Amino acid sequence: MAYPPCQLYLISPLDVSGSFPDRLVRALDAGDVAAFQFRVKGMDDHAAAALAEPLQRICSDRDVAFIVNDSIGLAKRLGADGVHLGQEDGDVADARERLGKDVQIGVTCHDSRHLAMAAGEAGADYVAFGAFFPSTTKETEHRPETDLLEWWASIFEIPCVAIGGITPDNCRGLVKAGADFIAASSAVWGGDEAAAVVAFNAVIRAGHKDRIGTNEG
């Protein structure tokens, strides 16, 4: 059976001011990145848009999807490629109506099969499970196991994202289990972002080979 290769999905730090655009360039130029999620908190859409616009251009120039976290309104204002919704951030139907049929809509589903199936039925383009590991980015109370990824990948065609405390050292098993995207934040922005992207891509390729080998055996 052929499996699409897993890809890296970067999530921004909360502070994207100052030199962050240069850091994003270094990260995206270092290796394969499918998407970048713009995630800031506690500011109005005008201020957020001012920070987002240069980052969106950087992503567009490199064919990297630009996803807005939480805010359907900001995603519409920016003409973003997608929006990522938490369970309290609006519903898929409203996002689809406001943003159009071509915008990617992702939904946080924690460790819940029910939430994931409901999101898929509502028309989500991807579901996100996590946190798989302790995270320094946000407080987490849901801790799925890799069998959730295996179950989802074996039944549904909608892609799934693994999220939460993921590093190059711990992501190989998630890829093998069936994650379509590996979401990373602090593991990339906490140090040398280019080196981190290179390391993630190497492990993701290894995990994909594991998955192919497991299912051929």
N, C-alpha and C. Protein backbone atom coordinates (compact mmCIF):
# COMPACT_ATOMS: atom_id res chain seq x y z
N MET A 1 0.85 -1.20 0.00
CA MET A 1 0.00 0.00 0.00
C MET A 1 0.88 1.25 0.00
N ALA A 2 0.52 2.21 -0.82
CA ALA A 2 1.30 3.45 -0.90
C ALA A 2 0.80 4.45 0.14
N TYR A 3 1.73 5.07 0.84
CA TYR A 3 1.38 6.07 1.83
C TYR A 3 2.01 7.40 1.44
N PRO A 4 1.24 8.49 1.51
CA PRO A 4 1.85 9.78 1.21
C PRO A 4 2.90 10.10 2.26
N PRO A 5 3.98 10.74 1.87
CA PRO A 5 5.03 11.06 2.85
C PRO A 5 4.53 12.04 3.90
N CYS A 6 4.96 11.84 5.12
CA CYS A 6 4.67 12.77 6.20
C CYS A 6 5.46 14.06 5.98
N GLN A 7 4.90 15.18 6.43
CA GLN A 7 5.57 16.47 6.24
C GLN A 7 5.57 17.27 7.54
N LEU A 8 6.44 18.25 7.58
CA LEU A 8 6.61 19.09 8.76
C LEU A 8 5.65 20.28 8.70
N TYR A 9 5.04 20.57 9.84
CA TYR A 9 4.06 21.65 9.99
C TYR A 9 4.56 22.52 11.14
N LEU A 10 5.04 23.71 10.84
CA LEU A 10 5.61 24.59 11.87
C LEU A 10 4.53 25.48 12.49
N ILE A 11 4.64 25.64 13.79
CA ILE A 11 3.75 26.54 14.53
C ILE A 11 4.61 27.65 15.12
N SER A 12 4.17 28.88 14.94
CA SER A 12 4.99 30.01 15.36
C SER A 12 5.08 30.09 16.89
N PRO A 13 6.14 30.72 17.38
CA PRO A 13 6.14 31.11 18.79
C PRO A 13 5.13 32.24 18.97
N LEU A 14 4.81 32.57 20.22
CA LEU A 14 3.85 33.64 20.45
C LEU A 14 4.42 35.00 20.07
N ASP A 15 5.73 35.15 20.15
CA ASP A 15 6.38 36.42 19.79
C ASP A 15 7.00 36.28 18.40
N VAL A 16 6.40 36.95 17.43
CA VAL A 16 6.91 36.91 16.06
C VAL A 16 7.39 38.28 15.62
N SER A 17 7.74 39.11 16.58
CA SER A 17 8.23 40.46 16.27
C SER A 17 9.75 40.42 16.05
N GLY A 18 10.34 41.58 15.87
CA GLY A 18 11.79 41.69 15.77
C GLY A 18 12.35 40.91 14.60
N SER A 19 13.29 40.01 14.90
CA SER A 19 14.01 39.29 13.85
C SER A 19 13.30 38.01 13.41
N PHE A 20 12.09 37.79 13.90
CA PHE A 20 11.46 36.50 13.58
C PHE A 20 11.29 36.26 12.08
N PRO A 21 10.93 37.25 11.26
CA PRO A 21 10.84 36.96 9.83
C PRO A 21 12.12 36.35 9.26
N ASP A 22 13.28 36.84 9.70
CA ASP A 22 14.55 36.26 9.24
C ASP A 22 14.70 34.81 9.70
N ARG A 23 14.24 34.53 10.90
CA ARG A 23 14.30 33.16 11.41
C ARG A 23 13.38 32.24 10.60
N LEU A 24 12.22 32.76 10.23
CA LEU A 24 11.30 31.97 9.42
C LEU A 24 11.91 31.65 8.06
N VAL A 25 12.56 32.63 7.46
CA VAL A 25 13.25 32.39 6.18
C VAL A 25 14.27 31.27 6.33
N ARG A 26 15.08 31.34 7.39
CA ARG A 26 16.10 30.31 7.58
C ARG A 26 15.47 28.93 7.76
N ALA A 27 14.36 28.87 8.49
CA ALA A 27 13.70 27.59 8.71
C ALA A 27 13.13 27.02 7.41
N LEU A 28 12.43 27.85 6.67
CA LEU A 28 11.77 27.36 5.46
C LEU A 28 12.78 27.03 4.36
N ASP A 29 13.91 27.71 4.35
CA ASP A 29 14.92 27.44 3.34
C ASP A 29 15.80 26.23 3.68
N ALA A 30 15.64 25.70 4.89
CA ALA A 30 16.50 24.60 5.33
C ALA A 30 16.00 23.24 4.90
N GLY A 31 14.73 23.12 4.56
CA GLY A 31 14.20 21.81 4.20
C GLY A 31 12.71 21.85 3.96
N ASP A 32 12.13 20.68 3.76
CA ASP A 32 10.72 20.57 3.40
C ASP A 32 9.83 20.97 4.58
N VAL A 33 8.97 21.97 4.34
CA VAL A 33 7.96 22.39 5.32
C VAL A 33 6.66 22.58 4.55
N ALA A 34 5.60 21.92 5.02
CA ALA A 34 4.33 21.98 4.31
C ALA A 34 3.50 23.20 4.69
N ALA A 35 3.56 23.57 5.96
CA ALA A 35 2.67 24.63 6.44
C ALA A 35 3.31 25.37 7.61
N PHE A 36 2.86 26.61 7.78
CA PHE A 36 3.28 27.44 8.91
C PHE A 36 2.02 28.02 9.54
N GLN A 37 1.86 27.77 10.83
CA GLN A 37 0.69 28.28 11.54
C GLN A 37 1.08 29.53 12.33
N PHE A 38 0.35 30.61 12.05
CA PHE A 38 0.55 31.89 12.73
C PHE A 38 -0.28 31.87 14.01
N ARG A 39 0.41 31.83 15.15
CA ARG A 39 -0.27 31.68 16.44
C ARG A 39 0.21 32.75 17.40
N VAL A 40 -0.60 33.81 17.52
CA VAL A 40 -0.32 34.86 18.50
C VAL A 40 -1.56 35.00 19.38
N LYS A 41 -1.37 35.53 20.56
CA LYS A 41 -2.47 35.65 21.51
C LYS A 41 -2.55 37.07 22.06
N GLY A 42 -3.77 37.47 22.43
CA GLY A 42 -3.96 38.70 23.17
C GLY A 42 -3.79 39.98 22.40
N MET A 43 -4.02 39.97 21.09
CA MET A 43 -3.96 41.21 20.33
C MET A 43 -5.12 41.26 19.34
N ASP A 44 -5.49 42.48 18.97
CA ASP A 44 -6.60 42.62 18.03
C ASP A 44 -6.14 42.26 16.62
N ASP A 45 -7.12 42.11 15.74
CA ASP A 45 -6.82 41.66 14.38
C ASP A 45 -5.92 42.64 13.63
N HIS A 46 -6.05 43.93 13.90
CA HIS A 46 -5.22 44.91 13.19
C HIS A 46 -3.74 44.72 13.54
N ALA A 47 -3.46 44.59 14.83
CA ALA A 47 -2.08 44.39 15.25
C ALA A 47 -1.55 43.04 14.79
N ALA A 48 -2.40 42.02 14.87
CA ALA A 48 -1.99 40.69 14.44
C ALA A 48 -1.70 40.68 12.94
N ALA A 49 -2.54 41.36 12.16
CA ALA A 49 -2.36 41.38 10.71
C ALA A 49 -1.04 42.05 10.34
N ALA A 50 -0.67 43.09 11.06
CA ALA A 50 0.60 43.78 10.77
C ALA A 50 1.78 42.84 10.97
N LEU A 51 1.72 41.99 11.97
CA LEU A 51 2.78 41.02 12.20
C LEU A 51 2.71 39.87 11.20
N ALA A 52 1.51 39.51 10.81
CA ALA A 52 1.32 38.34 9.94
C ALA A 52 1.74 38.59 8.50
N GLU A 53 1.50 39.79 8.00
CA GLU A 53 1.65 40.02 6.56
C GLU A 53 3.06 39.71 6.03
N PRO A 54 4.14 40.15 6.67
CA PRO A 54 5.46 39.78 6.13
C PRO A 54 5.73 38.28 6.21
N LEU A 55 5.22 37.63 7.23
CA LEU A 55 5.39 36.17 7.36
C LEU A 55 4.61 35.45 6.28
N GLN A 56 3.43 35.97 5.98
CA GLN A 56 2.61 35.37 4.93
C GLN A 56 3.30 35.47 3.57
N ARG A 57 3.95 36.59 3.31
CA ARG A 57 4.67 36.75 2.04
C ARG A 57 5.83 35.76 1.96
N ILE A 58 6.54 35.59 3.07
CA ILE A 58 7.66 34.64 3.09
C ILE A 58 7.16 33.24 2.76
N CYS A 59 6.03 32.86 3.35
CA CYS A 59 5.46 31.53 3.09
C CYS A 59 5.00 31.41 1.64
N SER A 60 4.33 32.43 1.14
CA SER A 60 3.82 32.40 -0.22
C SER A 60 4.94 32.24 -1.24
N ASP A 61 6.04 32.93 -1.00
CA ASP A 61 7.18 32.85 -1.92
C ASP A 61 7.79 31.45 -1.97
N ARG A 62 7.50 30.65 -0.94
CA ARG A 62 8.10 29.31 -0.86
C ARG A 62 7.06 28.19 -0.96
N ASP A 63 5.85 28.55 -1.37
CA ASP A 63 4.76 27.57 -1.51
C ASP A 63 4.50 26.81 -0.22
N VAL A 64 4.59 27.52 0.90
CA VAL A 64 4.26 26.96 2.21
C VAL A 64 2.91 27.51 2.63
N ALA A 65 1.99 26.64 2.99
CA ALA A 65 0.66 27.08 3.39
C ALA A 65 0.72 27.94 4.64
N PHE A 66 0.02 29.06 4.62
CA PHE A 66 -0.02 29.97 5.76
C PHE A 66 -1.36 29.79 6.47
N ILE A 67 -1.31 29.26 7.70
CA ILE A 67 -2.50 28.92 8.45
C ILE A 67 -2.62 29.84 9.65
N VAL A 68 -3.80 30.38 9.88
CA VAL A 68 -4.06 31.25 11.02
C VAL A 68 -4.67 30.43 12.15
N ASN A 69 -4.13 30.59 13.34
CA ASN A 69 -4.65 29.88 14.50
C ASN A 69 -5.85 30.61 15.09
N ASP A 70 -6.90 29.88 15.35
CA ASP A 70 -8.05 30.30 16.16
C ASP A 70 -9.02 31.28 15.48
N SER A 71 -8.55 32.21 14.69
CA SER A 71 -9.39 33.34 14.26
C SER A 71 -9.85 33.23 12.81
N ILE A 72 -11.13 32.94 12.62
CA ILE A 72 -11.70 32.92 11.28
C ILE A 72 -11.65 34.33 10.68
N GLY A 73 -11.91 35.34 11.51
CA GLY A 73 -11.91 36.72 11.03
C GLY A 73 -10.54 37.15 10.53
N LEU A 74 -9.48 36.81 11.25
CA LEU A 74 -8.14 37.18 10.81
C LEU A 74 -7.75 36.40 9.56
N ALA A 75 -8.14 35.15 9.49
CA ALA A 75 -7.85 34.35 8.29
C ALA A 75 -8.51 34.97 7.07
N LYS A 76 -9.74 35.44 7.23
CA LYS A 76 -10.44 36.09 6.12
C LYS A 76 -9.78 37.41 5.75
N ARG A 77 -9.42 38.18 6.74
CA ARG A 77 -8.78 39.48 6.50
C ARG A 77 -7.48 39.32 5.72
N LEU A 78 -6.71 38.30 6.06
CA LEU A 78 -5.42 38.08 5.42
C LEU A 78 -5.52 37.33 4.10
N GLY A 79 -6.66 36.70 3.84
CA GLY A 79 -6.73 35.80 2.69
C GLY A 79 -5.80 34.63 2.88
N ALA A 80 -5.77 34.11 4.11
CA ALA A 80 -4.86 33.02 4.46
C ALA A 80 -5.22 31.73 3.73
N ASP A 81 -4.26 30.84 3.68
CA ASP A 81 -4.50 29.53 3.05
C ASP A 81 -5.37 28.64 3.91
N GLY A 82 -5.44 28.94 5.21
CA GLY A 82 -6.23 28.10 6.08
C GLY A 82 -6.41 28.69 7.45
N VAL A 83 -7.22 28.00 8.24
CA VAL A 83 -7.44 28.38 9.63
C VAL A 83 -7.43 27.11 10.46
N HIS A 84 -6.86 27.20 11.66
CA HIS A 84 -6.86 26.06 12.58
C HIS A 84 -7.75 26.42 13.76
N LEU A 85 -8.76 25.58 14.01
CA LEU A 85 -9.74 25.87 15.03
C LEU A 85 -9.59 24.94 16.22
N GLY A 86 -9.52 25.54 17.42
CA GLY A 86 -9.67 24.77 18.63
C GLY A 86 -11.14 24.45 18.85
N GLN A 87 -11.42 23.69 19.87
CA GLN A 87 -12.80 23.30 20.12
C GLN A 87 -13.69 24.48 20.53
N GLU A 88 -13.09 25.58 20.95
CA GLU A 88 -13.87 26.76 21.37
C GLU A 88 -13.74 27.92 20.38
N ASP A 89 -13.23 27.67 19.18
CA ASP A 89 -12.88 28.76 18.27
C ASP A 89 -13.80 28.88 17.05
N GLY A 90 -15.00 28.34 17.13
CA GLY A 90 -15.89 28.38 15.98
C GLY A 90 -16.00 27.02 15.34
N ASP A 91 -16.96 26.89 14.42
CA ASP A 91 -17.16 25.57 13.83
C ASP A 91 -16.77 25.56 12.36
N VAL A 92 -16.65 24.36 11.85
CA VAL A 92 -16.18 24.17 10.49
C VAL A 92 -17.15 24.78 9.48
N ALA A 93 -18.44 24.60 9.70
CA ALA A 93 -19.43 25.11 8.75
C ALA A 93 -19.34 26.63 8.62
N ASP A 94 -19.20 27.32 9.75
CA ASP A 94 -19.08 28.78 9.72
C ASP A 94 -17.80 29.20 9.02
N ALA A 95 -16.70 28.51 9.32
CA ALA A 95 -15.43 28.83 8.67
C ALA A 95 -15.52 28.61 7.17
N ARG A 96 -16.15 27.54 6.77
CA ARG A 96 -16.28 27.24 5.34
C ARG A 96 -17.12 28.31 4.64
N GLU A 97 -18.20 28.71 5.27
CA GLU A 97 -19.07 29.73 4.67
C GLU A 97 -18.34 31.06 4.53
N ARG A 98 -17.56 31.42 5.52
CA ARG A 98 -16.90 32.72 5.51
C ARG A 98 -15.61 32.74 4.69
N LEU A 99 -14.94 31.60 4.61
CA LEU A 99 -13.61 31.58 3.98
C LEU A 99 -13.61 30.95 2.59
N GLY A 100 -14.61 30.15 2.27
CA GLY A 100 -14.69 29.57 0.93
C GLY A 100 -14.24 28.12 0.89
N LYS A 101 -14.52 27.50 -0.23
CA LYS A 101 -14.30 26.06 -0.36
C LYS A 101 -12.83 25.67 -0.49
N ASP A 102 -11.96 26.60 -0.87
CA ASP A 102 -10.57 26.24 -1.13
C ASP A 102 -9.65 26.43 0.08
N VAL A 103 -10.16 27.03 1.14
CA VAL A 103 -9.34 27.29 2.33
C VAL A 103 -9.27 26.02 3.18
N GLN A 104 -8.07 25.73 3.67
CA GLN A 104 -7.87 24.55 4.51
C GLN A 104 -8.35 24.82 5.94
N ILE A 105 -9.17 23.92 6.45
CA ILE A 105 -9.69 24.07 7.80
C ILE A 105 -9.24 22.88 8.64
N GLY A 106 -8.50 23.17 9.69
CA GLY A 106 -8.04 22.12 10.60
C GLY A 106 -8.72 22.26 11.95
N VAL A 107 -8.86 21.16 12.65
CA VAL A 107 -9.57 21.16 13.93
C VAL A 107 -8.77 20.39 14.97
N THR A 108 -8.58 20.99 16.14
CA THR A 108 -7.97 20.31 17.27
C THR A 108 -8.94 19.28 17.82
N CYS A 109 -8.50 18.05 17.95
CA CYS A 109 -9.37 16.97 18.43
C CYS A 109 -8.81 16.27 19.66
N HIS A 110 -7.74 16.79 20.23
CA HIS A 110 -7.15 16.27 21.46
C HIS A 110 -6.84 14.78 21.34
N ASP A 111 -7.47 13.97 22.17
CA ASP A 111 -7.27 12.52 22.11
C ASP A 111 -8.58 11.80 21.79
N SER A 112 -9.51 12.52 21.14
CA SER A 112 -10.88 12.03 20.99
C SER A 112 -11.19 11.52 19.58
N ARG A 113 -11.55 10.27 19.51
CA ARG A 113 -12.01 9.72 18.24
C ARG A 113 -13.33 10.38 17.83
N HIS A 114 -14.18 10.62 18.81
CA HIS A 114 -15.49 11.23 18.52
C HIS A 114 -15.33 12.62 17.91
N LEU A 115 -14.49 13.46 18.53
CA LEU A 115 -14.29 14.81 18.00
C LEU A 115 -13.69 14.78 16.60
N ALA A 116 -12.78 13.85 16.37
CA ALA A 116 -12.16 13.75 15.05
C ALA A 116 -13.17 13.34 13.99
N MET A 117 -13.99 12.34 14.30
CA MET A 117 -15.00 11.91 13.34
C MET A 117 -16.02 13.02 13.08
N ALA A 118 -16.40 13.75 14.13
CA ALA A 118 -17.33 14.86 13.96
C ALA A 118 -16.73 15.95 13.09
N ALA A 119 -15.45 16.25 13.29
CA ALA A 119 -14.78 17.26 12.46
C ALA A 119 -14.73 16.82 11.01
N GLY A 120 -14.42 15.54 10.78
CA GLY A 120 -14.39 15.03 9.42
C GLY A 120 -15.74 15.11 8.75
N GLU A 121 -16.78 14.74 9.48
CA GLU A 121 -18.13 14.79 8.93
C GLU A 121 -18.57 16.21 8.64
N ALA A 122 -18.05 17.18 9.43
CA ALA A 122 -18.40 18.58 9.22
C ALA A 122 -17.65 19.21 8.05
N GLY A 123 -16.65 18.50 7.53
CA GLY A 123 -15.93 18.99 6.36
C GLY A 123 -14.54 19.53 6.64
N ALA A 124 -13.97 19.19 7.78
CA ALA A 124 -12.59 19.62 8.06
C ALA A 124 -11.63 18.99 7.06
N ASP A 125 -10.57 19.72 6.74
CA ASP A 125 -9.55 19.23 5.82
C ASP A 125 -8.47 18.43 6.52
N TYR A 126 -8.31 18.65 7.82
CA TYR A 126 -7.40 17.82 8.61
C TYR A 126 -7.83 17.88 10.06
N VAL A 127 -7.41 16.88 10.83
CA VAL A 127 -7.65 16.86 12.27
C VAL A 127 -6.29 16.80 12.96
N ALA A 128 -6.24 17.36 14.16
CA ALA A 128 -4.98 17.39 14.93
C ALA A 128 -5.18 16.68 16.26
N PHE A 129 -4.28 15.75 16.56
CA PHE A 129 -4.31 15.02 17.81
C PHE A 129 -3.11 15.42 18.67
N GLY A 130 -3.33 15.52 19.98
CA GLY A 130 -2.23 15.80 20.88
C GLY A 130 -2.74 16.37 22.20
N ALA A 131 -1.85 16.57 23.14
CA ALA A 131 -0.40 16.57 22.98
C ALA A 131 0.19 15.19 23.25
N PHE A 132 1.05 14.76 22.33
CA PHE A 132 1.67 13.45 22.48
C PHE A 132 2.76 13.42 23.54
N PHE A 133 3.35 14.59 23.80
CA PHE A 133 4.41 14.69 24.79
C PHE A 133 4.21 15.98 25.59
N PRO A 134 4.83 16.09 26.76
CA PRO A 134 4.73 17.35 27.51
C PRO A 134 5.19 18.52 26.65
N SER A 135 4.43 19.61 26.71
CA SER A 135 4.71 20.75 25.84
C SER A 135 5.03 21.99 26.66
N THR A 136 6.01 22.74 26.21
CA THR A 136 6.32 24.02 26.83
C THR A 136 5.57 25.16 26.17
N THR A 137 4.86 24.87 25.08
CA THR A 137 4.16 25.91 24.33
C THR A 137 2.82 26.25 24.95
N LYS A 138 2.10 25.24 25.46
CA LYS A 138 0.80 25.48 26.08
C LYS A 138 0.51 24.36 27.07
N GLU A 139 -0.38 24.65 28.02
CA GLU A 139 -0.78 23.63 28.97
C GLU A 139 -1.62 22.57 28.25
N THR A 140 -1.38 21.31 28.60
CA THR A 140 -2.10 20.22 27.94
C THR A 140 -2.68 19.28 28.98
N GLU A 141 -3.89 18.82 28.72
CA GLU A 141 -4.52 17.86 29.61
C GLU A 141 -4.89 16.58 28.89
N HIS A 142 -4.69 16.55 27.58
CA HIS A 142 -5.02 15.36 26.78
C HIS A 142 -3.72 14.73 26.29
N ARG A 143 -3.60 13.42 26.43
CA ARG A 143 -2.36 12.75 26.07
C ARG A 143 -2.68 11.46 25.30
N PRO A 144 -2.86 11.57 23.98
CA PRO A 144 -3.15 10.38 23.18
C PRO A 144 -1.93 9.47 23.05
N GLU A 145 -2.19 8.24 22.64
CA GLU A 145 -1.14 7.28 22.34
C GLU A 145 -1.07 7.10 20.82
N THR A 146 -0.02 6.46 20.36
CA THR A 146 0.16 6.31 18.91
C THR A 146 -0.92 5.44 18.27
N ASP A 147 -1.62 4.62 19.06
CA ASP A 147 -2.66 3.78 18.47
C ASP A 147 -3.81 4.63 17.91
N LEU A 148 -3.96 5.87 18.42
CA LEU A 148 -4.97 6.76 17.86
C LEU A 148 -4.62 7.13 16.42
N LEU A 149 -3.36 7.40 16.17
CA LEU A 149 -2.92 7.70 14.80
C LEU A 149 -3.09 6.48 13.90
N GLU A 150 -2.75 5.32 14.42
CA GLU A 150 -2.89 4.08 13.64
C GLU A 150 -4.34 3.84 13.26
N TRP A 151 -5.23 4.03 14.23
CA TRP A 151 -6.67 3.85 13.98
C TRP A 151 -7.16 4.83 12.92
N TRP A 152 -6.83 6.09 13.10
CA TRP A 152 -7.32 7.10 12.16
C TRP A 152 -6.80 6.82 10.74
N ALA A 153 -5.51 6.56 10.63
CA ALA A 153 -4.91 6.35 9.31
C ALA A 153 -5.46 5.11 8.63
N SER A 154 -5.88 4.12 9.40
CA SER A 154 -6.38 2.88 8.81
C SER A 154 -7.80 3.00 8.28
N ILE A 155 -8.52 4.04 8.71
CA ILE A 155 -9.94 4.14 8.37
C ILE A 155 -10.25 5.36 7.50
N PHE A 156 -9.61 6.49 7.79
CA PHE A 156 -10.02 7.75 7.18
C PHE A 156 -8.96 8.29 6.23
N GLU A 157 -9.42 8.99 5.20
CA GLU A 157 -8.52 9.60 4.24
C GLU A 157 -8.14 11.03 4.62
N ILE A 158 -8.89 11.65 5.51
CA ILE A 158 -8.57 13.01 5.95
C ILE A 158 -7.24 12.99 6.70
N PRO A 159 -6.31 13.85 6.35
CA PRO A 159 -4.99 13.83 7.01
C PRO A 159 -5.09 14.15 8.50
N CYS A 160 -4.13 13.63 9.25
CA CYS A 160 -4.05 13.93 10.68
C CYS A 160 -2.69 14.53 11.01
N VAL A 161 -2.72 15.44 11.97
CA VAL A 161 -1.52 16.14 12.44
C VAL A 161 -1.24 15.67 13.87
N ALA A 162 0.00 15.32 14.14
CA ALA A 162 0.43 15.02 15.51
C ALA A 162 1.06 16.27 16.09
N ILE A 163 0.68 16.61 17.31
CA ILE A 163 1.10 17.88 17.90
C ILE A 163 1.43 17.69 19.38
N GLY A 164 2.27 18.57 19.91
CA GLY A 164 2.50 18.61 21.35
C GLY A 164 3.83 18.05 21.80
N GLY A 165 4.78 18.94 22.08
CA GLY A 165 6.06 18.54 22.64
C GLY A 165 6.91 17.70 21.71
N ILE A 166 6.70 17.80 20.42
CA ILE A 166 7.38 16.91 19.47
C ILE A 166 8.75 17.47 19.11
N THR A 167 9.74 16.59 19.09
CA THR A 167 11.11 16.92 18.76
C THR A 167 11.64 15.91 17.74
N PRO A 168 12.80 16.18 17.15
CA PRO A 168 13.38 15.16 16.27
C PRO A 168 13.66 13.85 16.99
N ASP A 169 13.87 13.91 18.30
CA ASP A 169 14.19 12.71 19.05
C ASP A 169 12.99 11.82 19.34
N ASN A 170 11.78 12.38 19.28
CA ASN A 170 10.61 11.57 19.65
C ASN A 170 9.55 11.42 18.57
N CYS A 171 9.79 11.94 17.37
CA CYS A 171 8.73 11.96 16.37
C CYS A 171 8.69 10.74 15.45
N ARG A 172 9.74 9.94 15.45
CA ARG A 172 9.80 8.84 14.48
C ARG A 172 8.63 7.87 14.64
N GLY A 173 8.28 7.55 15.88
CA GLY A 173 7.18 6.63 16.11
C GLY A 173 5.84 7.19 15.68
N LEU A 174 5.67 8.50 15.75
CA LEU A 174 4.43 9.13 15.31
C LEU A 174 4.28 9.02 13.79
N VAL A 175 5.38 9.20 13.10
CA VAL A 175 5.35 9.06 11.64
C VAL A 175 5.04 7.61 11.28
N LYS A 176 5.70 6.68 11.94
CA LYS A 176 5.46 5.26 11.67
C LYS A 176 4.01 4.90 11.93
N ALA A 177 3.39 5.51 12.95
CA ALA A 177 2.01 5.18 13.31
C ALA A 177 1.00 5.73 12.32
N GLY A 178 1.40 6.72 11.51
CA GLY A 178 0.48 7.20 10.49
C GLY A 178 0.21 8.68 10.46
N ALA A 179 0.95 9.48 11.24
CA ALA A 179 0.76 10.93 11.18
C ALA A 179 1.10 11.43 9.78
N ASP A 180 0.23 12.26 9.23
CA ASP A 180 0.49 12.86 7.92
C ASP A 180 1.35 14.12 8.04
N PHE A 181 1.24 14.77 9.20
CA PHE A 181 2.03 15.97 9.47
C PHE A 181 2.53 15.92 10.89
N ILE A 182 3.75 16.38 11.09
CA ILE A 182 4.34 16.53 12.41
C ILE A 182 4.40 18.02 12.72
N ALA A 183 3.66 18.44 13.75
CA ALA A 183 3.65 19.85 14.14
C ALA A 183 4.75 20.11 15.16
N ALA A 184 5.49 21.16 14.95
CA ALA A 184 6.60 21.49 15.84
C ALA A 184 6.65 22.99 16.07
N SER A 185 7.00 23.37 17.29
CA SER A 185 7.14 24.78 17.61
C SER A 185 8.42 25.02 18.39
N SER A 186 8.41 24.77 19.70
CA SER A 186 9.57 25.11 20.52
C SER A 186 10.82 24.33 20.12
N ALA A 187 10.65 23.14 19.57
CA ALA A 187 11.82 22.35 19.14
C ALA A 187 12.53 23.02 17.97
N VAL A 188 11.82 23.88 17.25
CA VAL A 188 12.43 24.62 16.13
C VAL A 188 12.88 26.00 16.56
N TRP A 189 12.00 26.72 17.25
CA TRP A 189 12.29 28.12 17.55
C TRP A 189 13.11 28.29 18.82
N GLY A 190 13.36 27.20 19.54
CA GLY A 190 14.14 27.30 20.76
C GLY A 190 15.64 27.34 20.55
N GLY A 191 16.07 27.21 19.31
CA GLY A 191 17.51 27.21 19.04
C GLY A 191 17.80 27.51 17.59
N ASP A 192 18.59 26.67 16.96
CA ASP A 192 18.96 26.84 15.56
C ASP A 192 17.84 26.28 14.70
N GLU A 193 17.02 27.17 14.17
CA GLU A 193 15.83 26.73 13.44
C GLU A 193 16.17 25.94 12.17
N ALA A 194 17.22 26.33 11.47
CA ALA A 194 17.60 25.62 10.25
C ALA A 194 18.05 24.19 10.57
N ALA A 195 18.88 24.06 11.59
CA ALA A 195 19.34 22.73 11.98
C ALA A 195 18.18 21.86 12.44
N ALA A 196 17.22 22.46 13.14
CA ALA A 196 16.07 21.70 13.61
C ALA A 196 15.22 21.19 12.44
N VAL A 197 15.01 22.02 11.44
CA VAL A 197 14.23 21.58 10.27
C VAL A 197 14.95 20.45 9.55
N VAL A 198 16.24 20.56 9.40
CA VAL A 198 17.02 19.48 8.77
C VAL A 198 16.87 18.19 9.57
N ALA A 199 16.98 18.29 10.90
CA ALA A 199 16.87 17.10 11.75
C ALA A 199 15.48 16.49 11.68
N PHE A 200 14.46 17.32 11.73
CA PHE A 200 13.09 16.82 11.63
C PHE A 200 12.88 16.07 10.32
N ASN A 201 13.33 16.66 9.23
CA ASN A 201 13.10 16.02 7.93
C ASN A 201 13.81 14.68 7.82
N ALA A 202 14.99 14.57 8.40
CA ALA A 202 15.72 13.31 8.36
C ALA A 202 14.96 12.22 9.12
N VAL A 203 14.44 12.57 10.30
CA VAL A 203 13.72 11.59 11.10
C VAL A 203 12.36 11.26 10.47
N ILE A 204 11.71 12.24 9.90
CA ILE A 204 10.43 11.99 9.22
C ILE A 204 10.62 11.02 8.06
N ARG A 205 11.68 11.19 7.31
CA ARG A 205 11.95 10.24 6.21
C ARG A 205 12.19 8.83 6.75
N ALA A 206 12.92 8.74 7.86
CA ALA A 206 13.18 7.44 8.45
C ALA A 206 11.89 6.80 8.97
N GLY A 207 11.04 7.60 9.58
CA GLY A 207 9.77 7.09 10.08
C GLY A 207 8.86 6.62 8.96
N HIS A 208 8.91 7.33 7.84
CA HIS A 208 8.10 6.91 6.69
C HIS A 208 8.57 5.56 6.16
N LYS A 209 9.88 5.37 6.13
CA LYS A 209 10.42 4.06 5.70
C LYS A 209 10.00 2.96 6.67
N ASP A 210 9.99 3.29 7.98
CA ASP A 210 9.51 2.33 8.97
C ASP A 210 8.07 1.92 8.68
N ARG A 211 7.26 2.91 8.36
CA ARG A 211 5.84 2.63 8.12
C ARG A 211 5.65 1.74 6.90
N ILE A 212 6.35 2.06 5.85
CA ILE A 212 6.26 1.24 4.63
C ILE A 212 6.72 -0.18 4.91
N GLY A 213 7.85 -0.30 5.61
CA GLY A 213 8.38 -1.62 5.91
C GLY A 213 7.46 -2.44 6.79
N THR A 214 6.85 -1.79 7.79
CA THR A 214 5.94 -2.49 8.69
C THR A 214 4.74 -3.04 7.94
N ASN A 215 4.21 -2.26 7.01
CA ASN A 215 2.98 -2.68 6.34
C ASN A 215 3.25 -3.58 5.15
N GLU A 216 4.50 -3.68 4.73
CA GLU A 216 4.84 -4.63 3.67
C GLU A 216 5.18 -5.99 4.25
N GLY A 217 5.57 -5.97 5.54
CA GLY A 217 6.05 -7.20 6.14
C GLY A 217 4.95 -8.19 6.48
